[in-house]
């Protein structure tokens, strides 16, 4: 059974940085894509970033490109989301997600992911 546990959320001032972690267990994730999504109050869950575990290829939403970086640590089975230059509009619950990825395409829709963490709150406010 795949388990994803997020951590690292909190309250941060605009312009500052925060790093989220997603500890993954229950599988060998070499054939998986791992992703971060976020959901603000009253809005749909939206794609933030994804990484192919084995190749390390990354994908980003336009709204976070050049500010956020997704990475993974094979030894720790952990995926990270380094967030910089945070804005109030980045405020949301951030979710880690995973799916098997047999094709070399970008999986950006939330309904394409089978496994989800419980989410971690990120609030950007002065």
C-alpha atoms as a PDB file:
ATOM      1  CA  UNK A   1       0.000   0.000   0.000  1.00  0.00           C
ATOM      2  CA  UNK A   2       1.444   3.352  -1.061  1.00  0.00           C
ATOM      3  CA  UNK A   3       1.645   5.915   1.709  1.00  0.00           C
ATOM      4  CA  UNK A   4       2.516   9.576   1.240  1.00  0.00           C
ATOM      5  CA  UNK A   5       3.116  11.847   4.223  1.00  0.00           C
ATOM      6  CA  UNK A   6       3.638  15.582   3.715  1.00  0.00           C
ATOM      7  CA  UNK A   7       5.353  17.933   6.117  1.00  0.00           C
ATOM      8  CA  UNK A   8       6.898  21.384   6.192  1.00  0.00           C
ATOM      9  CA  UNK A   9       3.908  23.653   5.792  1.00  0.00           C
ATOM     10  CA  UNK A  10       3.355  26.760   7.870  1.00  0.00           C
ATOM     11  CA  UNK A  11       2.959  30.525   7.950  1.00  0.00           C
ATOM     12  CA  UNK A  12       5.511  32.538   5.986  1.00  0.00           C
ATOM     13  CA  UNK A  13       5.820  36.176   4.960  1.00  0.00           C
ATOM     14  CA  UNK A  14       5.620  37.213   1.296  1.00  0.00           C
ATOM     15  CA  UNK A  15       8.971  36.950  -0.445  1.00  0.00           C
ATOM     16  CA  UNK A  16      10.262  34.250   1.883  1.00  0.00           C
ATOM     17  CA  UNK A  17      10.904  30.551   1.258  1.00  0.00           C
ATOM     18  CA  UNK A  18       9.574  27.234   2.505  1.00  0.00           C
ATOM     19  CA  UNK A  19      10.395  23.584   1.762  1.00  0.00           C
ATOM     20  CA  UNK A  20       7.772  20.879   1.744  1.00  0.00           C
ATOM     21  CA  UNK A  21       8.617  17.197   2.091  1.00  0.00           C
ATOM     22  CA  UNK A  22       6.709  14.099   1.007  1.00  0.00           C
ATOM     23  CA  UNK A  23       7.873  10.819   2.525  1.00  0.00           C
ATOM     24  CA  UNK A  24       6.815   7.911   0.293  1.00  0.00           C
ATOM     25  CA  UNK A  25       6.590   4.245   1.285  1.00  0.00           C
ATOM     26  CA  UNK A  26       5.028   0.964   0.232  1.00  0.00           C
ATOM     27  CA  UNK A  27       6.524   0.655  -3.249  1.00  0.00           C
ATOM     28  CA  UNK A  28       9.648   0.984  -5.292  1.00  0.00           C
ATOM     29  CA  UNK A  29       8.979   4.294  -6.980  1.00  0.00           C
ATOM     30  CA  UNK A  30      11.389   4.101  -9.905  1.00  0.00           C
ATOM     31  CA  UNK A  31       8.511   3.821 -12.409  1.00  0.00           C
ATOM     32  CA  UNK A  32       6.376   6.491 -10.752  1.00  0.00           C
ATOM     33  CA  UNK A  33       5.702  10.153 -11.291  1.00  0.00           C
ATOM     34  CA  UNK A  34       5.462  12.152  -8.075  1.00  0.00           C
ATOM     35  CA  UNK A  35       3.623  15.459  -8.029  1.00  0.00           C
ATOM     36  CA  UNK A  36       2.561  18.373  -5.884  1.00  0.00           C
ATOM     37  CA  UNK A  37      -0.907  19.854  -6.171  1.00  0.00           C
ATOM     38  CA  UNK A  38      -2.504  22.658  -4.193  1.00  0.00           C
ATOM     39  CA  UNK A  39      -6.016  23.693  -3.335  1.00  0.00           C
ATOM     40  CA  UNK A  40      -7.041  27.130  -2.102  1.00  0.00           C
ATOM     41  CA  UNK A  41     -10.405  27.713  -0.395  1.00  0.00           C
ATOM     42  CA  UNK A  42     -13.239  27.715  -2.917  1.00  0.00           C
ATOM     43  CA  UNK A  43     -10.981  26.671  -5.795  1.00  0.00           C
ATOM     44  CA  UNK A  44     -10.239  23.461  -7.648  1.00  0.00           C
ATOM     45  CA  UNK A  45      -7.151  21.441  -6.891  1.00  0.00           C
ATOM     46  CA  UNK A  46      -4.407  22.555  -9.274  1.00  0.00           C
ATOM     47  CA  UNK A  47      -1.175  21.083 -10.533  1.00  0.00           C
ATOM     48  CA  UNK A  48       2.011  22.655  -9.183  1.00  0.00           C
ATOM     49  CA  UNK A  49       4.940  20.441 -10.179  1.00  0.00           C
ATOM     50  CA  UNK A  50       5.895  16.851 -10.978  1.00  0.00           C
ATOM     51  CA  UNK A  51       9.021  14.719 -11.263  1.00  0.00           C
ATOM     52  CA  UNK A  52       9.741  11.376 -12.899  1.00  0.00           C
ATOM     53  CA  UNK A  53      11.399   9.437 -10.125  1.00  0.00           C
ATOM     54  CA  UNK A  54      13.956   7.488 -12.153  1.00  0.00           C
ATOM     55  CA  UNK A  55      14.999  10.118 -14.702  1.00  0.00           C
ATOM     56  CA  UNK A  56      14.511  13.202 -12.551  1.00  0.00           C
ATOM     57  CA  UNK A  57      12.677  15.028 -15.334  1.00  0.00           C
ATOM     58  CA  UNK A  58      10.611  17.873 -13.903  1.00  0.00           C
ATOM     59  CA  UNK A  59       7.473  19.738 -14.942  1.00  0.00           C
ATOM     60  CA  UNK A  60       5.998  22.950 -13.536  1.00  0.00           C
ATOM     61  CA  UNK A  61       2.862  25.043 -13.707  1.00  0.00           C
ATOM     62  CA  UNK A  62       3.505  28.419 -15.304  1.00  0.00           C
ATOM     63  CA  UNK A  63       2.462  30.167 -12.090  1.00  0.00           C
ATOM     64  CA  UNK A  64       5.350  28.664 -10.101  1.00  0.00           C
ATOM     65  CA  UNK A  65       8.022  28.158 -12.733  1.00  0.00           C
ATOM     66  CA  UNK A  66      11.306  29.875 -11.738  1.00  0.00           C
ATOM     67  CA  UNK A  67      10.112  30.143  -8.108  1.00  0.00           C
ATOM     68  CA  UNK A  68       9.498  26.515  -7.091  1.00  0.00           C
ATOM     69  CA  UNK A  69      11.785  23.498  -7.480  1.00  0.00           C
ATOM     70  CA  UNK A  70      10.754  19.864  -7.183  1.00  0.00           C
ATOM     71  CA  UNK A  71      13.374  17.241  -6.376  1.00  0.00           C
ATOM     72  CA  UNK A  72      13.696  13.761  -4.898  1.00  0.00           C
ATOM     73  CA  UNK A  73      16.102  11.919  -2.624  1.00  0.00           C
ATOM     74  CA  UNK A  74      16.338   8.265  -3.633  1.00  0.00           C
ATOM     75  CA  UNK A  75      17.974   7.169  -0.391  1.00  0.00           C
ATOM     76  CA  UNK A  76      15.240   8.735   1.742  1.00  0.00           C
ATOM     77  CA  UNK A  77      12.336   7.967  -0.625  1.00  0.00           C
ATOM     78  CA  UNK A  78      11.332  11.595  -0.236  1.00  0.00           C
ATOM     79  CA  UNK A  79      10.151  14.253  -2.662  1.00  0.00           C
ATOM     80  CA  UNK A  80      10.675  17.935  -1.921  1.00  0.00           C
ATOM     81  CA  UNK A  81       9.090  21.165  -3.078  1.00  0.00           C
ATOM     82  CA  UNK A  82      11.356  24.135  -2.495  1.00  0.00           C
ATOM     83  CA  UNK A  83       9.237  27.284  -2.697  1.00  0.00           C
ATOM     84  CA  UNK A  84      10.876  30.695  -3.031  1.00  0.00           C
ATOM     85  CA  UNK A  85       9.604  34.246  -3.514  1.00  0.00           C
ATOM     86  CA  UNK A  86       6.298  33.183  -2.028  1.00  0.00           C
ATOM     87  CA  UNK A  87       3.198  35.245  -2.747  1.00  0.00           C
ATOM     88  CA  UNK A  88      -0.142  35.491  -0.922  1.00  0.00           C
ATOM     89  CA  UNK A  89      -1.753  33.702  -3.874  1.00  0.00           C
ATOM     90  CA  UNK A  90       0.405  30.650  -3.099  1.00  0.00           C
ATOM     91  CA  UNK A  91      -1.669  30.147   0.049  1.00  0.00           C
ATOM     92  CA  UNK A  92      -3.296  26.719  -0.140  1.00  0.00           C
ATOM     93  CA  UNK A  93      -3.272  23.177   1.159  1.00  0.00           C
ATOM     94  CA  UNK A  94      -0.457  21.401  -0.664  1.00  0.00           C
ATOM     95  CA  UNK A  95      -0.845  17.729  -1.517  1.00  0.00           C
ATOM     96  CA  UNK A  96       1.691  15.135  -2.592  1.00  0.00           C
ATOM     97  CA  UNK A  97       0.473  12.645  -5.207  1.00  0.00           C
ATOM     98  CA  UNK A  98       1.853   9.597  -7.017  1.00  0.00           C
ATOM     99  CA  UNK A  99       1.025   7.408  -9.985  1.00  0.00           C
ATOM    100  CA  UNK A 100       2.677   4.785 -12.149  1.00  0.00           C
ATOM    101  CA  UNK A 101       3.911   6.490 -15.300  1.00  0.00           C
ATOM    102  CA  UNK A 102       4.254   4.122 -18.271  1.00  0.00           C
ATOM    103  CA  UNK A 103       4.344   6.881 -20.876  1.00  0.00           C
ATOM    104  CA  UNK A 104       6.632   9.852 -21.364  1.00  0.00           C
ATOM    105  CA  UNK A 105       3.904  12.449 -20.951  1.00  0.00           C
ATOM    106  CA  UNK A 106       3.055  15.066 -18.370  1.00  0.00           C
ATOM    107  CA  UNK A 107       0.308  14.102 -15.948  1.00  0.00           C
ATOM    108  CA  UNK A 108      -1.257  17.391 -14.813  1.00  0.00           C
ATOM    109  CA  UNK A 109      -4.820  16.408 -13.899  1.00  0.00           C
ATOM    110  CA  UNK A 110      -5.580  15.444 -10.322  1.00  0.00           C
ATOM    111  CA  UNK A 111      -7.804  12.552 -11.431  1.00  0.00           C
ATOM    112  CA  UNK A 112      -4.779  10.955 -13.116  1.00  0.00           C
ATOM    113  CA  UNK A 113      -3.150  10.289  -9.731  1.00  0.00           C
ATOM    114  CA  UNK A 114      -4.021   7.238  -7.671  1.00  0.00           C
ATOM    115  CA  UNK A 115      -2.260   7.997  -4.406  1.00  0.00           C
ATOM    116  CA  UNK A 116      -2.510  11.093  -2.224  1.00  0.00           C
ATOM    117  CA  UNK A 117      -1.151  12.428   1.017  1.00  0.00           C
ATOM    118  CA  UNK A 118      -3.220  14.173   3.660  1.00  0.00           C
ATOM    119  CA  UNK A 119      -2.028  17.668   2.725  1.00  0.00           C
ATOM    120  CA  UNK A 120      -0.115  20.400   4.494  1.00  0.00           C
ATOM    121  CA  UNK A 121      -1.247  24.010   4.897  1.00  0.00           C
ATOM    122  CA  UNK A 122       0.889  26.821   3.480  1.00  0.00           C
ATOM    123  CA  UNK A 123      -0.143  30.369   4.378  1.00  0.00           C
ATOM    124  CA  UNK A 124       1.671  33.357   2.888  1.00  0.00           C
ATOM    125  CA  UNK A 125       0.782  36.491   4.773  1.00  0.00           C
ATOM    126  CA  UNK A 126       2.386  39.487   6.413  1.00  0.00           C
END
